[in-house]
Amino acid sequence: MPIPERLRPFFWDVDISTVDVYKHKRFIIERLLKYGTSEEIKWLLKTYQDSDIIETLKISKNIDRKTANYWALHYGIKKEEVACLREPLMQTCFY
């Protein structure tokens, strides 16, 4: 299933015609949680199950800490279970 055309601005770096709603769900969830407005979030919540969103939140290192913290609170996920809240984004050799 292709991604709706109205979501094109959120996928500026890829050919949207190759993005599949189910095959690329983690990528889509990450991008819309991070950059989406209320309209895109509504689409996201209607399209994906909470379990898909929660799993993405727990394993993603592409979501910023502020966004991850918000959604962790929303879903009642402990911060220790969210990868980007546990580990720094940059490797310690760059400090």
PDB file of N, CA and C in Angstrom:
ATOM      1  N   MET A   1       0.858  -1.179   0.000  1.00  0.00           N
ATOM      2  CA  MET A   1       0.000   0.000   0.000  1.00  0.00           C
ATOM      3  C   MET A   1       0.903   1.240   0.000  1.00  0.00           C
ATOM      4  N   PRO A   2       0.712   2.125  -0.954  1.00  0.00           N
ATOM      5  CA  PRO A   2       1.547   3.330  -1.015  1.00  0.00           C
ATOM      6  C   PRO A   2       1.166   4.345   0.064  1.00  0.00           C
ATOM      7  N   ILE A   3       2.089   5.208   0.365  1.00  0.00           N
ATOM      8  CA  ILE A   3       1.866   6.268   1.344  1.00  0.00           C
ATOM      9  C   ILE A   3       1.034   7.380   0.682  1.00  0.00           C
ATOM     10  N   PRO A   4       0.114   8.007   1.408  1.00  0.00           N
ATOM     11  CA  PRO A   4      -0.698   9.068   0.809  1.00  0.00           C
ATOM     12  C   PRO A   4       0.158  10.240   0.310  1.00  0.00           C
ATOM     13  N   GLU A   5      -0.236  10.780  -0.788  1.00  0.00           N
ATOM     14  CA  GLU A   5       0.494  11.890  -1.420  1.00  0.00           C
ATOM     15  C   GLU A   5       0.634  13.098  -0.489  1.00  0.00           C
ATOM     16  N   ARG A   6      -0.347  13.335   0.346  1.00  0.00           N
ATOM     17  CA  ARG A   6      -0.301  14.498   1.238  1.00  0.00           C
ATOM     18  C   ARG A   6       0.819  14.413   2.273  1.00  0.00           C
ATOM     19  N   LEU A   7       1.416  13.231   2.423  1.00  0.00           N
ATOM     20  CA  LEU A   7       2.520  13.067   3.366  1.00  0.00           C
ATOM     21  C   LEU A   7       3.884  13.283   2.710  1.00  0.00           C
ATOM     22  N   ARG A   8       3.897  13.581   1.426  1.00  0.00           N
ATOM     23  CA  ARG A   8       5.144  13.774   0.675  1.00  0.00           C
ATOM     24  C   ARG A   8       6.140  14.719   1.361  1.00  0.00           C
ATOM     25  N   PRO A   9       5.706  15.868   1.900  1.00  0.00           N
ATOM     26  CA  PRO A   9       6.678  16.790   2.506  1.00  0.00           C
ATOM     27  C   PRO A   9       7.494  16.177   3.654  1.00  0.00           C
ATOM     28  N   PHE A  10       6.978  15.150   4.280  1.00  0.00           N
ATOM     29  CA  PHE A  10       7.673  14.531   5.401  1.00  0.00           C
ATOM     30  C   PHE A  10       8.694  13.479   4.957  1.00  0.00           C
ATOM     31  N   PHE A  11       8.686  13.196   3.672  1.00  0.00           N
ATOM     32  CA  PHE A  11       9.601  12.192   3.116  1.00  0.00           C
ATOM     33  C   PHE A  11      10.375  12.813   1.957  1.00  0.00           C
ATOM     34  N   TRP A  12      10.926  13.981   2.230  1.00  0.00           N
ATOM     35  CA  TRP A  12      11.636  14.780   1.239  1.00  0.00           C
ATOM     36  C   TRP A  12      12.872  14.093   0.661  1.00  0.00           C
ATOM     37  N   ASP A  13      13.420  13.142   1.387  1.00  0.00           N
ATOM     38  CA  ASP A  13      14.694  12.543   1.002  1.00  0.00           C
ATOM     39  C   ASP A  13      14.567  11.189   0.313  1.00  0.00           C
ATOM     40  N   VAL A  14      13.346  10.755   0.058  1.00  0.00           N
ATOM     41  CA  VAL A  14      13.125   9.464  -0.598  1.00  0.00           C
ATOM     42  C   VAL A  14      12.091   9.611  -1.712  1.00  0.00           C
ATOM     43  N   ASP A  15      12.090   8.660  -2.614  1.00  0.00           N
ATOM     44  CA  ASP A  15      11.069   8.605  -3.660  1.00  0.00           C
ATOM     45  C   ASP A  15       9.806   8.036  -3.012  1.00  0.00           C
ATOM     46  N   ILE A  16       8.841   8.880  -2.772  1.00  0.00           N
ATOM     47  CA  ILE A  16       7.632   8.481  -2.034  1.00  0.00           C
ATOM     48  C   ILE A  16       6.883   7.329  -2.710  1.00  0.00           C
ATOM     49  N   SER A  17       7.026   7.200  -4.018  1.00  0.00           N
ATOM     50  CA  SER A  17       6.329   6.116  -4.727  1.00  0.00           C
ATOM     51  C   SER A  17       6.885   4.739  -4.343  1.00  0.00           C
ATOM     52  N   THR A  18       8.056   4.704  -3.731  1.00  0.00           N
ATOM     53  CA  THR A  18       8.654   3.423  -3.328  1.00  0.00           C
ATOM     54  C   THR A  18       8.410   3.103  -1.858  1.00  0.00           C
ATOM     55  N   VAL A  19       7.782   4.033  -1.136  1.00  0.00           N
ATOM     56  CA  VAL A  19       7.530   3.831   0.291  1.00  0.00           C
ATOM     57  C   VAL A  19       6.194   3.117   0.462  1.00  0.00           C
ATOM     58  N   ASP A  20       6.240   1.985   1.118  1.00  0.00           N
ATOM     59  CA  ASP A  20       5.044   1.174   1.359  1.00  0.00           C
ATOM     60  C   ASP A  20       4.625   1.330   2.824  1.00  0.00           C
ATOM     61  N   VAL A  21       3.351   1.584   3.065  1.00  0.00           N
ATOM     62  CA  VAL A  21       2.824   1.842   4.399  1.00  0.00           C
ATOM     63  C   VAL A  21       3.140   0.715   5.382  1.00  0.00           C
ATOM     64  N   TYR A  22       3.099  -0.519   4.940  1.00  0.00           N
ATOM     65  CA  TYR A  22       3.325  -1.636   5.856  1.00  0.00           C
ATOM     66  C   TYR A  22       4.768  -2.124   5.842  1.00  0.00           C
ATOM     67  N   LYS A  23       5.346  -2.181   4.683  1.00  0.00           N
ATOM     68  CA  LYS A  23       6.720  -2.663   4.563  1.00  0.00           C
ATOM     69  C   LYS A  23       7.714  -1.719   5.244  1.00  0.00           C
ATOM     70  N   HIS A  24       7.446  -0.431   5.207  1.00  0.00           N
ATOM     71  CA  HIS A  24       8.353   0.578   5.762  1.00  0.00           C
ATOM     72  C   HIS A  24       7.757   1.277   6.983  1.00  0.00           C
ATOM     73  N   LYS A  25       6.975   0.547   7.754  1.00  0.00           N
ATOM     74  CA  LYS A  25       6.232   1.176   8.848  1.00  0.00           C
ATOM     75  C   LYS A  25       7.140   1.825   9.896  1.00  0.00           C
ATOM     76  N   ARG A  26       8.259   1.212  10.225  1.00  0.00           N
ATOM     77  CA  ARG A  26       9.139   1.811  11.231  1.00  0.00           C
ATOM     78  C   ARG A  26       9.656   3.177  10.759  1.00  0.00           C
ATOM     79  N   PHE A  27      10.084   3.254   9.522  1.00  0.00           N
ATOM     80  CA  PHE A  27      10.575   4.506   8.945  1.00  0.00           C
ATOM     81  C   PHE A  27       9.484   5.577   8.962  1.00  0.00           C
ATOM     82  N   ILE A  28       8.282   5.201   8.574  1.00  0.00           N
ATOM     83  CA  ILE A  28       7.162   6.147   8.525  1.00  0.00           C
ATOM     84  C   ILE A  28       6.789   6.614   9.927  1.00  0.00           C
ATOM     85  N   ILE A  29       6.708   5.691  10.859  1.00  0.00           N
ATOM     86  CA  ILE A  29       6.362   6.039  12.238  1.00  0.00           C
ATOM     87  C   ILE A  29       7.403   6.994  12.819  1.00  0.00           C
ATOM     88  N   GLU A  30       8.676   6.689  12.642  1.00  0.00           N
ATOM     89  CA  GLU A  30       9.737   7.569  13.142  1.00  0.00           C
ATOM     90  C   GLU A  30       9.587   8.980  12.587  1.00  0.00           C
ATOM     91  N   ARG A  31       9.431   9.065  11.290  1.00  0.00           N
ATOM     92  CA  ARG A  31       9.385  10.362  10.611  1.00  0.00           C
ATOM     93  C   ARG A  31       8.178  11.172  11.047  1.00  0.00           C
ATOM     94  N   LEU A  32       7.007  10.533  11.129  1.00  0.00           N
ATOM     95  CA  LEU A  32       5.801  11.285  11.479  1.00  0.00           C
ATOM     96  C   LEU A  32       5.739  11.630  12.956  1.00  0.00           C
ATOM     97  N   LEU A  33       6.254  10.770  13.821  1.00  0.00           N
ATOM     98  CA  LEU A  33       6.310  11.131  15.233  1.00  0.00           C
ATOM     99  C   LEU A  33       7.209  12.340  15.433  1.00  0.00           C
ATOM    100  N   LYS A  34       8.284  12.380  14.697  1.00  0.00           N
ATOM    101  CA  LYS A  34       9.269  13.452  14.844  1.00  0.00           C
ATOM    102  C   LYS A  34       8.818  14.768  14.203  1.00  0.00           C
ATOM    103  N   TYR A  35       8.237  14.703  13.015  1.00  0.00           N
ATOM    104  CA  TYR A  35       7.945  15.924  12.254  1.00  0.00           C
ATOM    105  C   TYR A  35       6.466  16.197  11.992  1.00  0.00           C
ATOM    106  N   GLY A  36       5.608  15.225  12.236  1.00  0.00           N
ATOM    107  CA  GLY A  36       4.208  15.373  11.874  1.00  0.00           C
ATOM    108  C   GLY A  36       3.441  16.376  12.713  1.00  0.00           C
ATOM    109  N   THR A  37       2.439  16.976  12.081  1.00  0.00           N
ATOM    110  CA  THR A  37       1.519  17.864  12.790  1.00  0.00           C
ATOM    111  C   THR A  37       0.352  17.010  13.291  1.00  0.00           C
ATOM    112  N   SER A  38      -0.629  17.634  13.884  1.00  0.00           N
ATOM    113  CA  SER A  38      -1.747  16.864  14.433  1.00  0.00           C
ATOM    114  C   SER A  38      -2.469  16.043  13.361  1.00  0.00           C
ATOM    115  N   GLU A  39      -2.559  16.562  12.140  1.00  0.00           N
ATOM    116  CA  GLU A  39      -3.231  15.824  11.064  1.00  0.00           C
ATOM    117  C   GLU A  39      -2.466  14.538  10.705  1.00  0.00           C
ATOM    118  N   GLU A  40      -1.164  14.632  10.616  1.00  0.00           N
ATOM    119  CA  GLU A  40      -0.361  13.443  10.283  1.00  0.00           C
ATOM    120  C   GLU A  40      -0.376  12.447  11.430  1.00  0.00           C
ATOM    121  N   ILE A  41      -0.384  12.940  12.658  1.00  0.00           N
ATOM    122  CA  ILE A  41      -0.444  12.048  13.826  1.00  0.00           C
ATOM    123  C   ILE A  41      -1.775  11.311  13.847  1.00  0.00           C
ATOM    124  N   LYS A  42      -2.860  11.986  13.485  1.00  0.00           N
ATOM    125  CA  LYS A  42      -4.169  11.314  13.405  1.00  0.00           C
ATOM    126  C   LYS A  42      -4.106  10.185  12.391  1.00  0.00           C
ATOM    127  N   TRP A  43      -3.516  10.452  11.219  1.00  0.00           N
ATOM    128  CA  TRP A  43      -3.380   9.416  10.186  1.00  0.00           C
ATOM    129  C   TRP A  43      -2.541   8.264  10.720  1.00  0.00           C
ATOM    130  N   LEU A  44      -1.438   8.595  11.387  1.00  0.00           N
ATOM    131  CA  LEU A  44      -0.539   7.585  11.943  1.00  0.00           C
ATOM    132  C   LEU A  44      -1.272   6.679  12.934  1.00  0.00           C
ATOM    133  N   LEU A  45      -2.027   7.282  13.837  1.00  0.00           N
ATOM    134  CA  LEU A  45      -2.732   6.508  14.865  1.00  0.00           C
ATOM    135  C   LEU A  45      -3.852   5.658  14.274  1.00  0.00           C
ATOM    136  N   LYS A  46      -4.447   6.098  13.162  1.00  0.00           N
ATOM    137  CA  LYS A  46      -5.476   5.299  12.495  1.00  0.00           C
ATOM    138  C   LYS A  46      -4.872   4.170  11.667  1.00  0.00           C
ATOM    139  N   THR A  47      -3.656   4.389  11.164  1.00  0.00           N
ATOM    140  CA  THR A  47      -3.034   3.444  10.236  1.00  0.00           C
ATOM    141  C   THR A  47      -2.302   2.312  10.955  1.00  0.00           C
ATOM    142  N   TYR A  48      -1.667   2.640  12.060  1.00  0.00           N
ATOM    143  CA  TYR A  48      -0.839   1.655  12.765  1.00  0.00           C
ATOM    144  C   TYR A  48      -1.408   1.332  14.134  1.00  0.00           C
ATOM    145  N   GLN A  49      -1.144   0.112  14.569  1.00  0.00           N
ATOM    146  CA  GLN A  49      -1.565  -0.295  15.899  1.00  0.00           C
ATOM    147  C   GLN A  49      -0.632   0.336  16.930  1.00  0.00           C
ATOM    148  N   ASP A  50      -1.151   0.521  18.137  1.00  0.00           N
ATOM    149  CA  ASP A  50      -0.315   1.062  19.210  1.00  0.00           C
ATOM    150  C   ASP A  50       0.942   0.216  19.403  1.00  0.00           C
ATOM    151  N   SER A  51       0.811  -1.086  19.260  1.00  0.00           N
ATOM    152  CA  SER A  51       1.967  -1.970  19.457  1.00  0.00           C
ATOM    153  C   SER A  51       3.087  -1.669  18.458  1.00  0.00           C
ATOM    154  N   ASP A  52       2.737  -1.307  17.224  1.00  0.00           N
ATOM    155  CA  ASP A  52       3.746  -0.936  16.219  1.00  0.00           C
ATOM    156  C   ASP A  52       4.462   0.352  16.612  1.00  0.00           C
ATOM    157  N   ILE A  53       3.699   1.317  17.100  1.00  0.00           N
ATOM    158  CA  ILE A  53       4.267   2.603  17.503  1.00  0.00           C
ATOM    159  C   ILE A  53       5.148   2.416  18.736  1.00  0.00           C
ATOM    160  N   ILE A  54       4.673   1.656  19.690  1.00  0.00           N
ATOM    161  CA  ILE A  54       5.443   1.402  20.918  1.00  0.00           C
ATOM    162  C   ILE A  54       6.743   0.671  20.596  1.00  0.00           C
ATOM    163  N   GLU A  55       6.682  -0.345  19.763  1.00  0.00           N
ATOM    164  CA  GLU A  55       7.887  -1.081  19.378  1.00  0.00           C
ATOM    165  C   GLU A  55       8.905  -0.148  18.710  1.00  0.00           C
ATOM    166  N   THR A  56       8.424   0.706  17.818  1.00  0.00           N
ATOM    167  CA  THR A  56       9.299   1.666  17.141  1.00  0.00           C
ATOM    168  C   THR A  56       9.933   2.616  18.156  1.00  0.00           C
ATOM    169  N   LEU A  57       9.139   3.121  19.087  1.00  0.00           N
ATOM    170  CA  LEU A  57       9.670   4.011  20.118  1.00  0.00           C
ATOM    171  C   LEU A  57      10.764   3.337  20.942  1.00  0.00           C
ATOM    172  N   LYS A  58      10.546   2.085  21.247  1.00  0.00           N
ATOM    173  CA  LYS A  58      11.502   1.369  22.094  1.00  0.00           C
ATOM    174  C   LYS A  58      12.834   1.113  21.402  1.00  0.00           C
ATOM    175  N   ILE A  59      12.830   0.878  20.096  1.00  0.00           N
ATOM    176  CA  ILE A  59      14.077   0.482  19.421  1.00  0.00           C
ATOM    177  C   ILE A  59      14.736   1.580  18.591  1.00  0.00           C
ATOM    178  N   SER A  60      14.007   2.629  18.269  1.00  0.00           N
ATOM    179  CA  SER A  60      14.527   3.659  17.373  1.00  0.00           C
ATOM    180  C   SER A  60      15.592   4.533  18.036  1.00  0.00           C
ATOM    181  N   LYS A  61      16.623   4.816  17.278  1.00  0.00           N
ATOM    182  CA  LYS A  61      17.631   5.788  17.700  1.00  0.00           C
ATOM    183  C   LYS A  61      17.554   7.019  16.794  1.00  0.00           C
ATOM    184  N   ASN A  62      16.541   7.071  15.942  1.00  0.00           N
ATOM    185  CA  ASN A  62      16.356   8.188  15.015  1.00  0.00           C
ATOM    186  C   ASN A  62      15.375   9.234  15.520  1.00  0.00           C
ATOM    187  N   ILE A  63      14.663   8.925  16.582  1.00  0.00           N
ATOM    188  CA  ILE A  63      13.706   9.869  17.151  1.00  0.00           C
ATOM    189  C   ILE A  63      14.456  10.716  18.180  1.00  0.00           C
ATOM    190  N   ASP A  64      14.222  12.008  18.165  1.00  0.00           N
ATOM    191  CA  ASP A  64      14.915  12.872  19.127  1.00  0.00           C
ATOM    192  C   ASP A  64      14.375  12.625  20.538  1.00  0.00           C
ATOM    193  N   ARG A  65      15.156  13.015  21.509  1.00  0.00           N
ATOM    194  CA  ARG A  65      14.834  12.743  22.914  1.00  0.00           C
ATOM    195  C   ARG A  65      13.517  13.402  23.357  1.00  0.00           C
ATOM    196  N   LYS A  66      13.269  14.608  22.900  1.00  0.00           N
ATOM    197  CA  LYS A  66      12.041  15.318  23.280  1.00  0.00           C
ATOM    198  C   LYS A  66      10.805  14.579  22.779  1.00  0.00           C
ATOM    199  N   THR A  67      10.839  14.180  21.520  1.00  0.00           N
ATOM    200  CA  THR A  67       9.722  13.439  20.924  1.00  0.00           C
ATOM    201  C   THR A  67       9.548  12.092  21.615  1.00  0.00           C
ATOM    202  N   ALA A  68      10.653  11.392  21.822  1.00  0.00           N
ATOM    203  CA  ALA A  68      10.594  10.074  22.470  1.00  0.00           C
ATOM    204  C   ALA A  68      10.030  10.191  23.884  1.00  0.00           C
ATOM    205  N   ASN A  69      10.443  11.211  24.599  1.00  0.00           N
ATOM    206  CA  ASN A  69       9.952  11.409  25.959  1.00  0.00           C
ATOM    207  C   ASN A  69       8.444  11.649  25.965  1.00  0.00           C
ATOM    208  N   TYR A  70       7.963  12.489  25.057  1.00  0.00           N
ATOM    209  CA  TYR A  70       6.523  12.762  24.968  1.00  0.00           C
ATOM    210  C   TYR A  70       5.730  11.476  24.733  1.00  0.00           C
ATOM    211  N   TRP A  71       6.144  10.712  23.715  1.00  0.00           N
ATOM    212  CA  TRP A  71       5.394   9.508  23.371  1.00  0.00           C
ATOM    213  C   TRP A  71       5.557   8.407  24.410  1.00  0.00           C
ATOM    214  N   ALA A  72       6.695   8.363  25.081  1.00  0.00           N
ATOM    215  CA  ALA A  72       6.874   7.396  26.179  1.00  0.00           C
ATOM    216  C   ALA A  72       5.883   7.721  27.297  1.00  0.00           C
ATOM    217  N   LEU A  73       5.731   8.997  27.622  1.00  0.00           N
ATOM    218  CA  LEU A  73       4.744   9.397  28.627  1.00  0.00           C
ATOM    219  C   LEU A  73       3.325   9.075  28.155  1.00  0.00           C
ATOM    220  N   HIS A  74       3.044   9.367  26.886  1.00  0.00           N
ATOM    221  CA  HIS A  74       1.715   9.095  26.313  1.00  0.00           C
ATOM    222  C   HIS A  74       1.336   7.624  26.445  1.00  0.00           C
ATOM    223  N   TYR A  75       2.286   6.743  26.143  1.00  0.00           N
ATOM    224  CA  TYR A  75       2.009   5.303  26.172  1.00  0.00           C
ATOM    225  C   TYR A  75       2.380   4.643  27.502  1.00  0.00           C
ATOM    226  N   GLY A  76       2.900   5.397  28.440  1.00  0.00           N
ATOM    227  CA  GLY A  76       3.265   4.825  29.742  1.00  0.00           C
ATOM    228  C   GLY A  76       4.454   3.885  29.664  1.00  0.00           C
ATOM    229  N   ILE A  77       5.399   4.193  28.796  1.00  0.00           N
ATOM    230  CA  ILE A  77       6.604   3.377  28.641  1.00  0.00           C
ATOM    231  C   ILE A  77       7.685   3.948  29.539  1.00  0.00           C
ATOM    232  N   LYS A  78       8.364   3.075  30.261  1.00  0.00           N
ATOM    233  CA  LYS A  78       9.467   3.524  31.117  1.00  0.00           C
ATOM    234  C   LYS A  78      10.601   4.038  30.246  1.00  0.00           C
ATOM    235  N   LYS A  79      11.241   5.110  30.691  1.00  0.00           N
ATOM    236  CA  LYS A  79      12.338   5.707  29.929  1.00  0.00           C
ATOM    237  C   LYS A  79      13.468   4.710  29.672  1.00  0.00           C
ATOM    238  N   GLU A  80      13.675   3.796  30.591  1.00  0.00           N
ATOM    239  CA  GLU A  80      14.735   2.796  30.446  1.00  0.00           C
ATOM    240  C   GLU A  80      14.476   1.850  29.271  1.00  0.00           C
ATOM    241  N   GLU A  81      13.231   1.781  28.828  1.00  0.00           N
ATOM    242  CA  GLU A  81      12.865   0.892  27.726  1.00  0.00           C
ATOM    243  C   GLU A  81      13.001   1.560  26.360  1.00  0.00           C
ATOM    244  N   VAL A  82      13.272   2.865  26.340  1.00  0.00           N
ATOM    245  CA  VAL A  82      13.345   3.625  25.094  1.00  0.00           C
ATOM    246  C   VAL A  82      14.819   3.864  24.753  1.00  0.00           C
ATOM    247  N   ALA A  83      15.265   3.277  23.640  1.00  0.00           N
ATOM    248  CA  ALA A  83      16.685   3.296  23.274  1.00  0.00           C
ATOM    249  C   ALA A  83      17.266   4.700  23.223  1.00  0.00           C
ATOM    250  N   CYS A  84      16.592   5.642  22.597  1.00  0.00           N
ATOM    251  CA  CYS A  84      17.177   6.975  22.445  1.00  0.00           C
ATOM    252  C   CYS A  84      17.167   7.766  23.744  1.00  0.00           C
ATOM    253  N   LEU A  85      16.462   7.306  24.757  1.00  0.00           N
ATOM    254  CA  LEU A  85      16.509   7.954  26.068  1.00  0.00           C
ATOM    255  C   LEU A  85      17.542   7.301  26.979  1.00  0.00           C
ATOM    256  N   ARG A  86      17.956   6.098  26.631  1.00  0.00           N
ATOM    257  CA  ARG A  86      18.962   5.366  27.400  1.00  0.00           C
ATOM    258  C   ARG A  86      20.374   5.716  26.992  1.00  0.00           C
ATOM    259  N   GLU A  87      20.576   5.850  25.699  1.00  0.00           N
ATOM    260  CA  GLU A  87      21.912   5.985  25.157  1.00  0.00           C
ATOM    261  C   GLU A  87      22.077   7.330  24.456  1.00  0.00           C
ATOM    262  N   PRO A  88      23.266   7.935  24.582  1.00  0.00           N
ATOM    263  CA  PRO A  88      23.499   9.187  23.853  1.00  0.00           C
ATOM    264  C   PRO A  88      23.531   8.937  22.363  1.00  0.00           C
ATOM    265  N   LEU A  89      23.122   9.952  21.585  1.00  0.00           N
ATOM    266  CA  LEU A  89      23.111   9.825  20.133  1.00  0.00           C
ATOM    267  C   LEU A  89      24.514   9.742  19.572  1.00  0.00           C
ATOM    268  N   MET A  90      25.418  10.565  20.112  1.00  0.00           N
ATOM    269  CA  MET A  90      26.792  10.568  19.612  1.00  0.00           C
ATOM    270  C   MET A  90      27.643   9.578  20.402  1.00  0.00           C
ATOM    271  N   GLN A  91      28.618   9.031  19.743  1.00  0.00           N
ATOM    272  CA  GLN A  91      29.541   8.132  20.415  1.00  0.00           C
ATOM    273  C   GLN A  91      30.424   8.945  21.357  1.00  0.00           C
ATOM    274  N   THR A  92      30.899   8.324  22.408  1.00  0.00           N
ATOM    275  CA  THR A  92      31.683   9.037  23.404  1.00  0.00           C
ATOM    276  C   THR A  92      33.000   9.561  22.840  1.00  0.00           C
ATOM    277  N   CYS A  93      33.503   9.018  21.771  1.00  0.00           N
ATOM    278  CA  CYS A  93      34.759   9.499  21.214  1.00  0.00           C
ATOM    279  C   CYS A  93      34.631  10.901  20.636  1.00  0.00           C
ATOM    280  N   PHE A  94      33.436  11.402  20.447  1.00  0.00           N
ATOM    281  CA  PHE A  94      33.230  12.735  19.901  1.00  0.00           C
ATOM    282  C   PHE A  94      33.021  13.793  20.979  1.00  0.00           C
ATOM    283  N   TYR A  95      33.051  13.430  22.216  1.00  0.00           N
ATOM    284  CA  TYR A  95      32.829  14.386  23.300  1.00  0.00           C
ATOM    285  C   TYR A  95      34.082  15.171  23.558  1.00  0.00           C
TER     286      TYR A  95
END
